[in-house]
Amino acid sequence: MSKLVIVLLAISVSINLLVAGMVVGQRLDGVRLLGRVNVTRGDANPNNNTRPGPYDLFVKNAPEQVLPFLKDAIAARQDLSQIQLQQLRDARREAVQQLKAQPFDAAAANAAFARVRGLIAEIQQNVHETALGAYARAYGQTPPSANSDKPQ
């Protein structure tokens, strides 16, 4: 009887450790899968395991009169933002596949990473334009044109 109890105890401890490891792993991972852009104001909740969203800095620092404009602008671009983030995830996956490919093709890997960089720049530009446009509208100004920062 005591051998059976020891075996059952060992199995119980193993299952408990497995479950605990899975819970801790999920908590430490902190990845948002297709999460919506966070448009809440205030300090980040330390118990919230999500990464900061692209607009968090703008929302956190926005004066009260800007918030409605900013939230409307973010909401209007939500679907496009999700598409762009999925494209970025796909491009990163492709870059990793190129690094693992046998035989290794440096040109293909370079092209994959160039696509990642291009998508990051495009997303960043869209975030900046959206935020600047919202701020400008909140202050009764015309948003700057999208091409105003490009050299002539």
N, C-alpha and C. Protein backbone atom coordinates (compact mmCIF):
# COMPACT_ATOMS: atom_id res chain seq x y z
N MET A 1 0.80 -1.19 0.00
CA MET A 1 0.00 0.00 0.00
C MET A 1 0.85 1.27 0.00
N SER A 2 1.95 1.28 0.76
CA SER A 2 2.79 2.48 0.83
C SER A 2 3.48 2.76 -0.50
N LYS A 3 3.83 1.74 -1.27
CA LYS A 3 4.44 1.97 -2.59
C LYS A 3 3.44 2.64 -3.53
N LEU A 4 2.19 2.23 -3.45
CA LEU A 4 1.15 2.83 -4.28
C LEU A 4 0.96 4.30 -3.91
N VAL A 5 0.98 4.60 -2.64
CA VAL A 5 0.83 5.99 -2.19
C VAL A 5 2.00 6.84 -2.67
N ILE A 6 3.20 6.31 -2.61
CA ILE A 6 4.39 7.03 -3.06
C ILE A 6 4.31 7.29 -4.56
N VAL A 7 3.89 6.31 -5.34
CA VAL A 7 3.76 6.48 -6.79
C VAL A 7 2.69 7.54 -7.09
N LEU A 8 1.55 7.44 -6.43
CA LEU A 8 0.48 8.42 -6.65
C LEU A 8 0.92 9.83 -6.24
N LEU A 9 1.65 9.92 -5.14
CA LEU A 9 2.17 11.21 -4.70
C LEU A 9 3.15 11.78 -5.73
N ALA A 10 4.02 10.95 -6.27
CA ALA A 10 4.97 11.40 -7.29
C ALA A 10 4.24 11.88 -8.55
N ILE A 11 3.21 11.17 -8.95
CA ILE A 11 2.42 11.58 -10.13
C ILE A 11 1.72 12.90 -9.84
N SER A 12 1.13 13.04 -8.66
CA SER A 12 0.45 14.27 -8.29
C SER A 12 1.40 15.47 -8.28
N VAL A 13 2.57 15.29 -7.70
CA VAL A 13 3.56 16.36 -7.66
C VAL A 13 4.00 16.73 -9.08
N SER A 14 4.19 15.72 -9.92
CA SER A 14 4.60 15.99 -11.32
C SER A 14 3.55 16.80 -12.06
N ILE A 15 2.29 16.44 -11.90
CA ILE A 15 1.21 17.16 -12.58
C ILE A 15 1.13 18.59 -12.04
N ASN A 16 1.25 18.75 -10.74
CA ASN A 16 1.21 20.09 -10.16
C ASN A 16 2.35 20.96 -10.67
N LEU A 17 3.55 20.40 -10.76
CA LEU A 17 4.69 21.15 -11.28
C LEU A 17 4.49 21.51 -12.76
N LEU A 18 3.91 20.60 -13.52
CA LEU A 18 3.64 20.88 -14.94
C LEU A 18 2.67 22.05 -15.07
N VAL A 19 1.58 22.00 -14.32
CA VAL A 19 0.58 23.07 -14.39
C VAL A 19 1.19 24.40 -13.91
N ALA A 20 1.92 24.35 -12.81
CA ALA A 20 2.56 25.57 -12.30
C ALA A 20 3.54 26.14 -13.32
N GLY A 21 4.29 25.29 -13.98
CA GLY A 21 5.23 25.75 -15.00
C GLY A 21 4.52 26.39 -16.18
N MET A 22 3.39 25.84 -16.57
CA MET A 22 2.63 26.42 -17.67
C MET A 22 2.07 27.79 -17.30
N VAL A 23 1.56 27.91 -16.07
CA VAL A 23 1.01 29.20 -15.62
C VAL A 23 2.11 30.25 -15.55
N VAL A 24 3.24 29.90 -14.95
CA VAL A 24 4.36 30.84 -14.84
C VAL A 24 4.87 31.21 -16.23
N GLY A 25 4.97 30.25 -17.11
CA GLY A 25 5.43 30.52 -18.48
C GLY A 25 4.52 31.48 -19.20
N GLN A 26 3.22 31.32 -19.04
CA GLN A 26 2.27 32.24 -19.67
C GLN A 26 2.40 33.65 -19.10
N ARG A 27 2.56 33.74 -17.80
CA ARG A 27 2.70 35.05 -17.15
C ARG A 27 3.96 35.77 -17.59
N LEU A 28 5.05 35.03 -17.72
CA LEU A 28 6.33 35.64 -18.09
C LEU A 28 6.42 35.97 -19.57
N ASP A 29 5.66 35.26 -20.40
CA ASP A 29 5.72 35.47 -21.84
C ASP A 29 5.21 36.85 -22.20
N GLY A 30 4.02 37.22 -21.74
CA GLY A 30 3.48 38.55 -21.95
C GLY A 30 3.16 38.91 -23.38
N VAL A 31 2.98 37.96 -24.28
CA VAL A 31 2.71 38.24 -25.68
C VAL A 31 1.22 38.45 -25.89
N ARG A 32 0.86 39.50 -26.64
CA ARG A 32 -0.52 39.75 -27.03
C ARG A 32 -0.70 39.22 -28.43
N LEU A 33 -1.55 38.26 -28.60
CA LEU A 33 -1.82 37.76 -29.93
C LEU A 33 -2.99 38.56 -30.51
N LEU A 34 -2.71 39.31 -31.54
CA LEU A 34 -3.71 40.12 -32.22
C LEU A 34 -4.51 40.99 -31.24
N GLY A 35 -3.81 41.51 -30.24
CA GLY A 35 -4.47 42.37 -29.26
C GLY A 35 -4.85 43.71 -29.87
N ARG A 36 -5.93 44.26 -29.39
CA ARG A 36 -6.35 45.57 -29.87
C ARG A 36 -5.42 46.64 -29.29
N VAL A 37 -5.34 47.75 -29.96
CA VAL A 37 -4.51 48.85 -29.49
C VAL A 37 -5.11 49.38 -28.19
N ASN A 38 -4.27 49.58 -27.19
CA ASN A 38 -4.72 50.05 -25.89
C ASN A 38 -4.91 51.56 -25.95
N VAL A 39 -6.13 52.00 -25.66
CA VAL A 39 -6.40 53.43 -25.67
C VAL A 39 -6.86 53.90 -24.30
N THR A 40 -6.43 53.20 -23.26
CA THR A 40 -6.77 53.65 -21.91
C THR A 40 -5.70 54.59 -21.42
N ARG A 41 -6.09 55.44 -20.50
CA ARG A 41 -5.17 56.44 -19.99
C ARG A 41 -4.68 56.04 -18.62
N GLY A 42 -3.50 56.51 -18.29
CA GLY A 42 -2.97 56.26 -16.96
C GLY A 42 -1.77 55.35 -17.02
N ASP A 43 -1.19 55.12 -15.86
CA ASP A 43 -0.01 54.27 -15.79
C ASP A 43 -0.39 52.84 -16.13
N ALA A 44 0.57 52.15 -16.69
CA ALA A 44 0.34 50.76 -17.05
C ALA A 44 0.12 49.95 -15.78
N ASN A 45 -0.80 49.02 -15.86
CA ASN A 45 -1.08 48.14 -14.74
C ASN A 45 0.04 47.12 -14.64
N PRO A 46 0.77 47.04 -13.52
CA PRO A 46 1.87 46.10 -13.41
C PRO A 46 1.41 44.65 -13.47
N ASN A 47 0.12 44.39 -13.22
CA ASN A 47 -0.39 43.03 -13.30
C ASN A 47 -0.83 42.67 -14.71
N ASN A 48 -0.81 43.64 -15.62
CA ASN A 48 -1.21 43.42 -17.00
C ASN A 48 0.03 43.00 -17.79
N ASN A 49 0.04 41.80 -18.33
CA ASN A 49 1.22 41.25 -18.98
C ASN A 49 1.28 41.56 -20.47
N THR A 50 0.69 42.65 -20.90
CA THR A 50 0.73 42.99 -22.32
C THR A 50 1.86 43.98 -22.57
N ARG A 51 2.38 43.94 -23.75
CA ARG A 51 3.40 44.90 -24.15
C ARG A 51 2.73 46.23 -24.42
N PRO A 52 3.47 47.32 -24.27
CA PRO A 52 2.86 48.62 -24.59
C PRO A 52 2.47 48.68 -26.06
N GLY A 53 1.35 49.30 -26.34
CA GLY A 53 0.90 49.45 -27.71
C GLY A 53 1.59 50.63 -28.38
N PRO A 54 1.46 50.73 -29.69
CA PRO A 54 2.16 51.80 -30.42
C PRO A 54 1.67 53.20 -30.07
N TYR A 55 0.45 53.31 -29.57
CA TYR A 55 -0.10 54.63 -29.25
C TYR A 55 -0.04 54.96 -27.76
N ASP A 56 0.42 54.05 -26.94
CA ASP A 56 0.37 54.25 -25.49
C ASP A 56 1.07 55.54 -25.05
N LEU A 57 2.22 55.84 -25.60
CA LEU A 57 2.95 57.05 -25.22
C LEU A 57 2.13 58.29 -25.53
N PHE A 58 1.47 58.30 -26.69
CA PHE A 58 0.67 59.47 -27.08
C PHE A 58 -0.55 59.61 -26.17
N VAL A 59 -1.21 58.51 -25.87
CA VAL A 59 -2.41 58.55 -25.03
C VAL A 59 -2.05 58.96 -23.61
N LYS A 60 -0.99 58.37 -23.09
CA LYS A 60 -0.58 58.65 -21.70
C LYS A 60 -0.24 60.13 -21.50
N ASN A 61 0.36 60.75 -22.50
CA ASN A 61 0.82 62.13 -22.37
C ASN A 61 -0.12 63.16 -22.98
N ALA A 62 -1.24 62.72 -23.50
CA ALA A 62 -2.15 63.65 -24.17
C ALA A 62 -2.89 64.52 -23.17
N PRO A 63 -2.97 65.81 -23.46
CA PRO A 63 -3.83 66.69 -22.64
C PRO A 63 -5.28 66.25 -22.81
N GLU A 64 -6.10 66.58 -21.84
CA GLU A 64 -7.50 66.15 -21.84
C GLU A 64 -8.23 66.52 -23.14
N GLN A 65 -7.98 67.72 -23.67
CA GLN A 65 -8.71 68.14 -24.87
C GLN A 65 -8.30 67.35 -26.12
N VAL A 66 -7.17 66.68 -26.06
CA VAL A 66 -6.69 65.91 -27.22
C VAL A 66 -7.22 64.48 -27.20
N LEU A 67 -7.49 63.94 -26.03
CA LEU A 67 -7.87 62.53 -25.90
C LEU A 67 -9.01 62.09 -26.81
N PRO A 68 -10.13 62.82 -26.89
CA PRO A 68 -11.20 62.34 -27.78
C PRO A 68 -10.75 62.25 -29.24
N PHE A 69 -9.98 63.20 -29.69
CA PHE A 69 -9.50 63.20 -31.07
C PHE A 69 -8.54 62.02 -31.29
N LEU A 70 -7.69 61.80 -30.33
CA LEU A 70 -6.70 60.73 -30.43
C LEU A 70 -7.38 59.37 -30.43
N LYS A 71 -8.32 59.18 -29.53
CA LYS A 71 -9.03 57.90 -29.47
C LYS A 71 -9.83 57.64 -30.73
N ASP A 72 -10.46 58.67 -31.28
CA ASP A 72 -11.20 58.51 -32.54
C ASP A 72 -10.26 58.14 -33.68
N ALA A 73 -9.10 58.81 -33.75
CA ALA A 73 -8.14 58.53 -34.82
C ALA A 73 -7.59 57.11 -34.70
N ILE A 74 -7.31 56.68 -33.49
CA ILE A 74 -6.79 55.32 -33.29
C ILE A 74 -7.86 54.29 -33.67
N ALA A 75 -9.08 54.53 -33.23
CA ALA A 75 -10.16 53.59 -33.54
C ALA A 75 -10.40 53.49 -35.05
N ALA A 76 -10.29 54.61 -35.75
CA ALA A 76 -10.49 54.61 -37.20
C ALA A 76 -9.44 53.81 -37.93
N ARG A 77 -8.24 53.69 -37.35
CA ARG A 77 -7.13 52.98 -38.00
C ARG A 77 -6.94 51.57 -37.44
N GLN A 78 -7.80 51.15 -36.53
CA GLN A 78 -7.63 49.89 -35.83
C GLN A 78 -7.49 48.69 -36.77
N ASP A 79 -8.37 48.59 -37.75
CA ASP A 79 -8.31 47.44 -38.66
C ASP A 79 -7.02 47.44 -39.48
N LEU A 80 -6.63 48.61 -40.00
CA LEU A 80 -5.39 48.70 -40.75
C LEU A 80 -4.20 48.36 -39.86
N SER A 81 -4.22 48.83 -38.63
CA SER A 81 -3.12 48.54 -37.70
C SER A 81 -2.99 47.05 -37.46
N GLN A 82 -4.11 46.37 -37.30
CA GLN A 82 -4.06 44.92 -37.07
C GLN A 82 -3.52 44.19 -38.30
N ILE A 83 -3.90 44.64 -39.48
CA ILE A 83 -3.38 44.03 -40.72
C ILE A 83 -1.87 44.24 -40.81
N GLN A 84 -1.43 45.46 -40.52
CA GLN A 84 0.01 45.74 -40.60
C GLN A 84 0.80 44.94 -39.57
N LEU A 85 0.27 44.80 -38.37
CA LEU A 85 0.97 44.02 -37.35
C LEU A 85 1.04 42.55 -37.74
N GLN A 86 -0.02 42.03 -38.37
CA GLN A 86 0.03 40.65 -38.84
C GLN A 86 1.06 40.50 -39.96
N GLN A 87 1.13 41.46 -40.87
CA GLN A 87 2.15 41.43 -41.92
C GLN A 87 3.55 41.44 -41.33
N LEU A 88 3.74 42.23 -40.27
CA LEU A 88 5.04 42.29 -39.62
C LEU A 88 5.38 40.94 -38.97
N ARG A 89 4.42 40.33 -38.29
CA ARG A 89 4.67 39.00 -37.70
C ARG A 89 5.04 37.99 -38.78
N ASP A 90 4.31 38.04 -39.90
CA ASP A 90 4.61 37.11 -41.01
C ASP A 90 6.01 37.36 -41.57
N ALA A 91 6.37 38.63 -41.72
CA ALA A 91 7.70 38.96 -42.26
C ALA A 91 8.80 38.51 -41.30
N ARG A 92 8.58 38.67 -40.02
CA ARG A 92 9.58 38.20 -39.04
C ARG A 92 9.72 36.69 -39.09
N ARG A 93 8.59 36.01 -39.21
CA ARG A 93 8.62 34.54 -39.33
C ARG A 93 9.41 34.12 -40.57
N GLU A 94 9.18 34.83 -41.67
CA GLU A 94 9.91 34.53 -42.92
C GLU A 94 11.40 34.78 -42.74
N ALA A 95 11.77 35.85 -42.06
CA ALA A 95 13.19 36.13 -41.83
C ALA A 95 13.85 35.02 -41.01
N VAL A 96 13.14 34.55 -40.00
CA VAL A 96 13.68 33.45 -39.19
C VAL A 96 13.82 32.19 -40.04
N GLN A 97 12.84 31.93 -40.89
CA GLN A 97 12.93 30.76 -41.78
C GLN A 97 14.13 30.87 -42.71
N GLN A 98 14.40 32.08 -43.20
CA GLN A 98 15.55 32.28 -44.08
C GLN A 98 16.86 32.02 -43.33
N LEU A 99 16.90 32.37 -42.04
CA LEU A 99 18.10 32.11 -41.25
C LEU A 99 18.32 30.62 -41.03
N LYS A 100 17.22 29.87 -40.96
CA LYS A 100 17.31 28.42 -40.71
C LYS A 100 17.45 27.60 -41.99
N ALA A 101 17.24 28.24 -43.14
CA ALA A 101 17.21 27.52 -44.41
C ALA A 101 18.56 26.86 -44.70
N GLN A 102 18.48 25.67 -45.26
CA GLN A 102 19.67 24.95 -45.70
C GLN A 102 19.50 24.62 -47.16
N PRO A 103 20.36 25.03 -48.02
CA PRO A 103 21.54 25.83 -47.75
C PRO A 103 21.16 27.28 -47.46
N PHE A 104 21.97 27.93 -46.64
CA PHE A 104 21.73 29.31 -46.26
C PHE A 104 21.94 30.23 -47.45
N ASP A 105 21.01 31.15 -47.66
CA ASP A 105 21.09 32.12 -48.75
C ASP A 105 21.11 33.51 -48.13
N ALA A 106 22.29 34.12 -48.07
CA ALA A 106 22.45 35.43 -47.43
C ALA A 106 21.60 36.50 -48.11
N ALA A 107 21.48 36.45 -49.42
CA ALA A 107 20.69 37.44 -50.15
C ALA A 107 19.21 37.32 -49.79
N ALA A 108 18.71 36.11 -49.70
CA ALA A 108 17.30 35.90 -49.34
C ALA A 108 17.04 36.35 -47.90
N ALA A 109 17.97 36.04 -47.00
CA ALA A 109 17.82 36.48 -45.60
C ALA A 109 17.85 38.00 -45.51
N ASN A 110 18.75 38.62 -46.26
CA ASN A 110 18.85 40.08 -46.27
C ASN A 110 17.55 40.69 -46.80
N ALA A 111 16.98 40.11 -47.84
CA ALA A 111 15.73 40.62 -48.39
C ALA A 111 14.59 40.48 -47.38
N ALA A 112 14.58 39.36 -46.66
CA ALA A 112 13.54 39.15 -45.65
C ALA A 112 13.65 40.19 -44.53
N PHE A 113 14.88 40.45 -44.09
CA PHE A 113 15.07 41.46 -43.04
C PHE A 113 14.78 42.86 -43.56
N ALA A 114 15.05 43.11 -44.83
CA ALA A 114 14.72 44.42 -45.42
C ALA A 114 13.20 44.62 -45.41
N ARG A 115 12.46 43.56 -45.66
CA ARG A 115 10.99 43.65 -45.61
C ARG A 115 10.54 43.96 -44.18
N VAL A 116 11.14 43.32 -43.19
CA VAL A 116 10.81 43.60 -41.79
C VAL A 116 11.07 45.07 -41.47
N ARG A 117 12.25 45.57 -41.86
CA ARG A 117 12.58 46.97 -41.60
C ARG A 117 11.60 47.92 -42.29
N GLY A 118 11.24 47.60 -43.51
CA GLY A 118 10.29 48.44 -44.25
C GLY A 118 8.92 48.47 -43.59
N LEU A 119 8.46 47.32 -43.13
CA LEU A 119 7.16 47.28 -42.45
C LEU A 119 7.20 48.04 -41.13
N ILE A 120 8.29 47.91 -40.40
CA ILE A 120 8.43 48.65 -39.13
C ILE A 120 8.38 50.15 -39.40
N ALA A 121 9.10 50.60 -40.42
CA ALA A 121 9.11 52.03 -40.76
C ALA A 121 7.72 52.49 -41.19
N GLU A 122 7.02 51.68 -41.96
CA GLU A 122 5.68 52.03 -42.42
C GLU A 122 4.70 52.13 -41.24
N ILE A 123 4.77 51.16 -40.34
CA ILE A 123 3.90 51.18 -39.16
C ILE A 123 4.20 52.39 -38.30
N GLN A 124 5.48 52.65 -38.07
CA GLN A 124 5.88 53.78 -37.25
C GLN A 124 5.41 55.10 -37.87
N GLN A 125 5.55 55.23 -39.18
CA GLN A 125 5.10 56.45 -39.85
C GLN A 125 3.59 56.62 -39.70
N ASN A 126 2.83 55.53 -39.86
CA ASN A 126 1.37 55.61 -39.72
C ASN A 126 0.96 56.00 -38.30
N VAL A 127 1.65 55.45 -37.31
CA VAL A 127 1.36 55.78 -35.92
C VAL A 127 1.63 57.27 -35.68
N HIS A 128 2.78 57.74 -36.14
CA HIS A 128 3.12 59.15 -35.94
C HIS A 128 2.14 60.07 -36.66
N GLU A 129 1.80 59.74 -37.90
CA GLU A 129 0.86 60.57 -38.65
C GLU A 129 -0.51 60.60 -37.99
N THR A 130 -0.96 59.44 -37.50
CA THR A 130 -2.26 59.38 -36.83
C THR A 130 -2.27 60.25 -35.58
N ALA A 131 -1.23 60.12 -34.76
CA ALA A 131 -1.16 60.89 -33.52
C ALA A 131 -1.02 62.38 -33.81
N LEU A 132 -0.12 62.74 -34.72
CA LEU A 132 0.06 64.16 -35.04
C LEU A 132 -1.21 64.77 -35.63
N GLY A 133 -1.88 64.00 -36.47
CA GLY A 133 -3.14 64.49 -37.04
C GLY A 133 -4.19 64.73 -35.97
N ALA A 134 -4.28 63.82 -35.01
CA ALA A 134 -5.25 63.99 -33.93
C ALA A 134 -4.92 65.21 -33.09
N TYR A 135 -3.64 65.39 -32.76
CA TYR A 135 -3.23 66.56 -31.99
C TYR A 135 -3.55 67.83 -32.77
N ALA A 136 -3.23 67.85 -34.06
CA ALA A 136 -3.48 69.05 -34.86
C ALA A 136 -4.98 69.37 -34.89
N ARG A 137 -5.82 68.36 -35.14
CA ARG A 137 -7.26 68.60 -35.18
C ARG A 137 -7.78 69.08 -33.82
N ALA A 138 -7.23 68.54 -32.73
CA ALA A 138 -7.67 68.96 -31.40
C ALA A 138 -7.38 70.44 -31.15
N TYR A 139 -6.32 70.95 -31.77
CA TYR A 139 -5.94 72.35 -31.60
C TYR A 139 -6.41 73.21 -32.77
N GLY A 140 -7.32 72.68 -33.59
CA GLY A 140 -7.89 73.45 -34.68
C GLY A 140 -6.93 73.71 -35.83
N GLN A 141 -5.93 72.89 -35.98
CA GLN A 141 -4.96 73.06 -37.06
C GLN A 141 -5.14 71.96 -38.11
N THR A 142 -4.57 72.21 -39.26
CA THR A 142 -4.58 71.22 -40.33
C THR A 142 -3.44 70.25 -40.09
N PRO A 143 -3.73 68.95 -40.12
CA PRO A 143 -2.64 67.97 -39.94
C PRO A 143 -1.58 68.14 -41.02
N PRO A 144 -0.31 67.94 -40.67
CA PRO A 144 0.75 68.05 -41.68
C PRO A 144 0.56 66.99 -42.74
N SER A 145 1.01 67.29 -43.95
CA SER A 145 0.87 66.31 -45.02
C SER A 145 1.82 65.14 -44.76
N ALA A 146 1.46 64.00 -45.27
CA ALA A 146 2.22 62.77 -45.03
C ALA A 146 3.62 62.84 -45.63
N ASN A 147 3.79 63.65 -46.66
CA ASN A 147 5.09 63.71 -47.34
C ASN A 147 5.93 64.91 -46.92
N SER A 148 5.52 65.62 -45.89
CA SER A 148 6.25 66.85 -45.53
C SER A 148 7.65 66.58 -44.97
N ASP A 149 7.91 65.35 -44.49
CA ASP A 149 9.23 65.08 -43.92
C ASP A 149 10.18 64.43 -44.92
N LYS A 150 9.71 64.20 -46.13
CA LYS A 150 10.59 63.59 -47.14
C LYS A 150 11.38 64.67 -47.87
N PRO A 151 12.64 64.37 -48.18
CA PRO A 151 13.47 65.37 -48.88
C PRO A 151 12.92 65.65 -50.26
N GLN A 152 13.10 66.86 -50.68
CA GLN A 152 12.62 67.28 -52.02
C GLN A 152 13.61 66.91 -53.09
